[in-house]
Protein backbone atom coordinates (compact mmCIF):
# COMPACT_ATOMS: atom_id res chain seq x y z
CA MET A 1 0.00 0.00 0.00
CA ASN A 2 1.13 3.55 -0.53
CA ALA A 3 2.18 5.91 2.20
CA MET A 4 -0.92 8.09 2.22
CA THR A 5 -3.12 6.98 5.11
CA MET A 6 -5.61 8.40 7.52
CA MET A 7 -4.70 11.10 10.03
CA THR A 8 -6.52 12.11 13.21
CA THR A 9 -6.52 15.28 15.26
CA ASN A 10 -6.88 15.64 19.00
CA ASN A 11 -8.19 19.18 18.63
CA LEU A 12 -8.75 21.72 15.91
CA ASN A 13 -5.63 23.72 16.78
CA SER A 14 -3.13 20.86 16.66
CA LYS A 15 -1.35 19.46 13.64
CA PRO A 16 -3.06 16.30 12.35
CA LYS A 17 -1.53 13.05 13.53
CA PHE A 18 -0.25 10.98 10.64
CA PHE A 19 -0.19 7.16 10.58
CA GLY A 20 2.20 5.74 8.01
CA ARG A 21 5.80 5.74 6.81
CA ARG A 22 7.62 8.93 5.96
CA LYS A 23 10.93 7.33 4.98
CA GLY A 24 12.15 3.85 4.06
CA ARG A 25 15.43 2.52 2.76
CA VAL A 26 18.44 4.77 2.22
CA ILE A 27 17.96 7.25 -0.62
CA HIS A 28 21.13 7.25 -2.69
CA LYS A 29 23.09 10.14 -4.13
CA ALA A 30 21.23 10.96 -7.33
CA LYS A 31 17.76 10.88 -5.82
CA SER A 32 18.93 12.76 -2.74
CA PHE A 33 20.26 15.42 -5.10
CA LEU A 34 16.85 15.62 -6.79
CA LEU A 35 15.14 16.08 -3.43
CA GLU A 36 17.51 18.92 -2.58
CA SER A 37 17.77 20.65 -5.95
CA PHE A 38 14.74 19.81 -8.10
CA LEU A 39 11.92 19.29 -5.62
CA PRO A 40 11.91 22.94 -4.43
CA ARG A 41 11.18 24.03 -8.01
CA ILE A 42 7.90 22.12 -8.12
CA LEU A 43 6.77 22.23 -4.49
CA VAL A 44 3.35 23.59 -3.61
CA ASP A 45 3.21 25.48 -0.33
CA THR A 46 0.29 26.10 2.02
CA THR A 47 -0.10 29.77 1.19
CA PRO A 48 -3.82 30.25 0.41
CA LYS A 49 -4.41 30.26 -3.34
CA ASN A 50 -7.00 32.45 -5.07
CA ASN A 51 -6.92 30.21 -8.13
CA ILE A 52 -5.53 26.74 -8.71
CA ALA A 53 -3.62 28.12 -11.71
CA ASP A 54 -1.44 30.01 -9.21
CA CYS A 55 0.29 26.69 -8.46
CA PHE A 56 1.51 26.43 -12.05
CA GLY A 57 2.25 29.99 -13.12
CA GLU A 58 -0.05 29.70 -16.11
CA PRO A 59 -3.58 28.41 -16.72
CA LYS A 60 -4.17 24.78 -17.70
CA GLN A 61 -7.23 23.31 -19.37
CA LYS A 62 -7.83 20.87 -16.50
CA TYR A 63 -6.49 20.19 -13.01
CA CYS A 64 -6.10 16.89 -11.17
CA LEU A 65 -5.01 15.94 -7.65
CA GLU A 66 -3.51 12.58 -6.70
CA ILE A 67 -3.53 11.86 -2.96
CA GLY A 68 -0.78 9.44 -2.00
CA PHE A 69 0.98 8.88 -5.31
CA GLY A 70 3.25 6.12 -3.99
CA ASP A 71 6.15 5.64 -6.40
CA GLY A 72 4.66 8.11 -8.86
CA ASP A 73 4.02 5.65 -11.72
CA HIS A 74 0.43 6.72 -12.31
CA LEU A 75 1.04 10.45 -11.86
CA ALA A 76 4.13 10.53 -14.10
CA ALA A 77 2.40 8.57 -16.86
CA LEU A 78 -0.70 10.78 -16.92
CA ALA A 79 1.33 14.00 -16.78
CA LYS A 80 3.40 12.92 -19.77
CA ARG A 81 0.28 12.07 -21.73
CA GLU A 82 -1.85 15.10 -20.83
CA HIS A 83 0.24 18.22 -21.44
CA ASN A 84 -2.68 20.61 -20.94
CA THR A 85 -3.58 19.25 -17.51
CA GLY A 86 -2.01 20.51 -14.31
CA PHE A 87 -1.31 17.72 -11.78
CA ILE A 88 -0.71 18.11 -8.06
CA GLY A 89 0.63 14.99 -6.37
CA VAL A 90 0.68 14.53 -2.60
CA GLU A 91 2.96 12.01 -0.89
CA VAL A 92 4.67 12.03 2.51
CA TYR A 93 6.85 8.98 1.84
CA ARG A 94 10.22 10.48 1.01
CA ASN A 95 11.38 7.55 -1.12
CA GLY A 96 8.23 7.80 -3.23
CA VAL A 97 8.75 11.51 -3.81
CA ALA A 98 12.34 10.81 -4.88
CA GLN A 99 11.15 8.14 -7.31
CA LEU A 100 8.64 10.52 -8.91
CA LEU A 101 11.38 13.11 -9.39
CA SER A 102 13.49 10.43 -11.05
CA LEU A 103 10.63 9.60 -13.43
CA LEU A 104 10.16 13.27 -14.31
CA THR A 105 13.84 14.05 -14.91
CA GLY A 106 15.25 10.71 -16.05
CA ILE A 107 17.97 10.93 -13.41
CA LYS A 108 18.51 7.59 -11.65
CA ASP A 109 20.97 6.29 -9.09
CA GLY A 110 22.99 4.63 -11.82
CA ASN A 111 22.86 7.62 -14.15
CA ALA A 112 24.22 10.55 -12.19
CA SER A 113 27.64 11.26 -13.65
CA ASP A 114 27.16 15.02 -13.67
CA LEU A 115 24.72 16.07 -10.99
CA ALA A 116 25.97 19.64 -11.14
CA GLN A 117 24.38 20.15 -14.53
CA GLU A 118 21.04 21.91 -14.93
CA ILE A 119 18.25 19.47 -14.17
CA GLY A 120 15.41 19.38 -16.66
CA LEU A 121 12.45 17.26 -17.57
CA THR A 122 12.86 14.24 -19.80
CA GLU A 123 12.02 14.50 -23.48
CA GLY A 124 8.29 14.61 -24.13
CA ARG A 125 7.42 16.20 -20.79
CA VAL A 126 6.15 19.67 -19.98
CA ASP A 127 6.13 21.53 -16.68
CA ASN A 128 2.72 20.37 -15.45
CA VAL A 129 3.45 18.55 -12.17
CA ARG A 130 3.53 20.04 -8.69
CA VAL A 131 4.24 18.17 -5.44
CA PHE A 132 3.18 18.54 -1.83
CA ASP A 133 5.27 16.33 0.45
CA ASP A 134 3.28 16.48 3.67
CA ASP A 135 -0.14 15.66 5.12
CA VAL A 136 -2.71 16.46 2.41
CA ARG A 137 -5.05 18.07 4.95
CA LEU A 138 -2.51 20.85 5.40
CA LEU A 139 -2.84 21.54 1.69
CA PHE A 140 -6.64 21.27 1.57
CA VAL A 141 -7.09 24.53 3.46
CA ALA A 142 -4.90 26.40 0.96
CA LEU A 143 -6.85 25.38 -2.14
CA PRO A 144 -9.93 27.17 -3.47
CA ASP A 145 -13.34 25.61 -4.05
CA ALA A 146 -14.05 23.73 -7.28
CA SER A 147 -10.37 23.52 -8.25
CA PHE A 148 -10.14 20.02 -9.71
CA ASP A 149 -11.66 18.06 -12.55
CA LYS A 150 -10.48 14.79 -11.02
CA ILE A 151 -9.11 13.59 -7.69
CA TYR A 152 -7.36 10.22 -7.38
CA LEU A 153 -6.97 8.04 -4.28
CA LEU A 154 -5.20 4.89 -5.42
CA PHE A 155 -4.50 1.90 -3.16
CA PRO A 156 -4.62 3.71 0.18
CA ASP A 157 -3.78 1.88 3.40
CA PRO A 158 -6.92 -0.14 4.26
CA TRP A 159 -6.39 -0.26 8.04
CA PRO A 160 -8.46 -3.48 8.06
CA LYS A 161 -8.87 -3.87 11.83
CA SER A 162 -12.07 -2.35 13.21
CA ARG A 163 -10.20 -0.47 15.93
CA HIS A 164 -8.19 1.32 13.23
CA ALA A 165 -11.16 2.32 11.07
CA GLU A 166 -10.80 5.98 12.06
CA ARG A 167 -7.39 6.00 10.36
CA ARG A 168 -8.85 5.27 6.91
CA PHE A 169 -8.53 8.21 4.59
CA ILE A 170 -12.09 7.95 3.34
CA ASN A 171 -14.23 9.44 6.08
CA ALA A 172 -16.84 12.17 6.41
CA ASP A 173 -14.36 15.02 7.02
CA ASN A 174 -12.08 14.18 4.10
CA LEU A 175 -15.01 13.53 1.76
CA ARG A 176 -16.34 16.98 2.62
CA GLU A 177 -13.04 18.46 1.46
CA ILE A 178 -12.94 16.28 -1.66
CA ALA A 179 -16.44 17.47 -2.54
CA ARG A 180 -15.46 21.09 -1.97
CA LEU A 181 -12.38 20.84 -4.18
CA LEU A 182 -14.04 19.03 -7.08
CA LYS A 183 -15.90 20.89 -9.79
CA ARG A 184 -19.53 19.92 -10.39
CA GLY A 185 -19.40 16.85 -12.59
CA GLY A 186 -15.82 16.17 -11.51
CA VAL A 187 -14.71 12.65 -10.60
CA PHE A 188 -13.32 11.12 -7.43
CA GLN A 189 -11.53 7.90 -8.42
CA VAL A 190 -10.66 5.26 -5.82
CA ALA A 191 -8.72 2.06 -6.52
CA THR A 192 -8.19 -0.66 -3.94
CA ASP A 193 -7.42 -4.37 -3.79
CA HIS A 194 -8.54 -4.91 -0.19
CA PRO A 195 -12.02 -6.42 0.41
CA ILE A 196 -12.65 -4.43 3.58
CA TYR A 197 -11.72 -1.15 1.91
CA LYS A 198 -13.89 -2.00 -1.09
CA ARG A 199 -16.91 -2.33 1.17
CA TRP A 200 -15.94 0.67 3.27
CA THR A 201 -15.57 2.92 0.22
CA LEU A 202 -18.98 2.01 -1.13
CA GLU A 203 -20.60 2.40 2.29
CA GLN A 204 -19.17 5.88 2.71
CA LEU A 205 -19.72 7.16 -0.82
CA ARG A 206 -23.06 5.66 -1.78
CA THR A 207 -24.76 7.37 1.17
CA ASN A 208 -22.98 10.69 0.63
CA PRO A 209 -25.27 13.29 -1.00
CA ASP A 210 -22.34 15.01 -2.74
CA PHE A 211 -21.43 11.99 -4.88
CA LYS A 212 -22.96 9.52 -7.31
CA TRP A 213 -21.39 6.16 -8.17
CA THR A 214 -21.09 6.17 -11.96
CA ALA A 215 -20.95 2.38 -12.53
CA LYS A 216 -23.73 0.97 -14.70
CA GLY A 217 -22.38 -2.59 -14.70
CA SER A 218 -19.67 -4.72 -13.10
CA ASP A 219 -17.21 -4.06 -15.92
CA ASP A 220 -17.22 -0.38 -14.96
CA TRP A 221 -15.54 -1.11 -11.62
CA ARG A 222 -13.74 -4.37 -12.28
CA ASN A 223 -11.72 -2.98 -15.18
CA PRO A 224 -9.38 0.04 -15.12
CA PRO A 225 -10.80 3.29 -16.53
CA ALA A 226 -9.81 4.50 -19.98
CA ASP A 227 -7.12 6.91 -18.74
CA TRP A 228 -5.55 4.41 -16.33
CA ALA A 229 -1.79 4.01 -15.89
CA GLU A 230 -0.67 0.84 -14.11
CA THR A 231 0.91 1.21 -10.68
CA LYS A 232 3.41 -0.76 -8.64
CA TYR A 233 0.73 -1.58 -6.07
CA GLN A 234 -1.63 -2.87 -8.74
CA ARG A 235 1.05 -5.20 -10.08
CA LYS A 236 1.83 -6.44 -6.58
CA ALA A 237 -1.84 -7.13 -5.87
CA LEU A 238 -2.23 -9.13 -9.06
CA ARG A 239 0.93 -11.15 -8.34
CA GLU A 240 -0.46 -12.03 -4.93
CA GLY A 241 -3.86 -13.00 -6.28
CA ARG A 242 -5.86 -9.93 -5.27
CA ARG A 243 -8.04 -8.30 -7.90
CA PRO A 244 -8.24 -4.49 -7.68
CA VAL A 245 -11.44 -2.55 -8.21
CA PHE A 246 -11.74 0.92 -9.71
CA PHE A 247 -14.56 3.07 -8.35
CA GLU A 248 -15.53 6.42 -9.88
CA PHE A 249 -17.85 8.85 -8.10
CA GLU A 250 -19.25 11.95 -9.76
CA ARG A 251 -19.48 15.20 -7.83
CA LEU A 252 -23.13 16.28 -7.83
């Protein structure tokens, strides 16, 4: 599962408590260099924004948010394909952020002979990705209403034990923010391979007045959507015999 997971707060004035990894194995030289030198160029801060275009310096045709992008496979693939869309990716796991930067720039641990050179995007990419490397709820409050055409939550931690249910990202408070940030007719896409989280997601969303489940048949949630880009977590689930589902909910 990716690093984005549920957070709880003891009171409204304290920083949300985060459950999940922030760092894993040692990050080697090239990716550490990207974190130090390239990440600041594409970071989104928590300064309140009047318009989502302020994050990119120029208007885009569409805007998407991915919450917990893991290793960045999905985000990097969509951003390369959709030049006129602005993508904001949120991930607290430092290794995952480093991997996304590697995908964007083409700089890898084994390909860092001249790290002093100007870092740029790989061929075929445009400057349409921004990153927030902390708790997404800290970013929520900085973003204006109806900012996004699509919001992705892919393979979040399921927290399967009942006593940990409050840690699941999908809950009433976060869904309220998702609804606020989506445009009318926008889509909230959730992918998961865990049976408990499948049921939990449907229970929370199908009774929420701000959303409508778009599926008209089983193929609509058993098969990836048309714009899908395969992720590491999807491949792992399939290897281990778990079949992911792909839910899409329209903002009413």
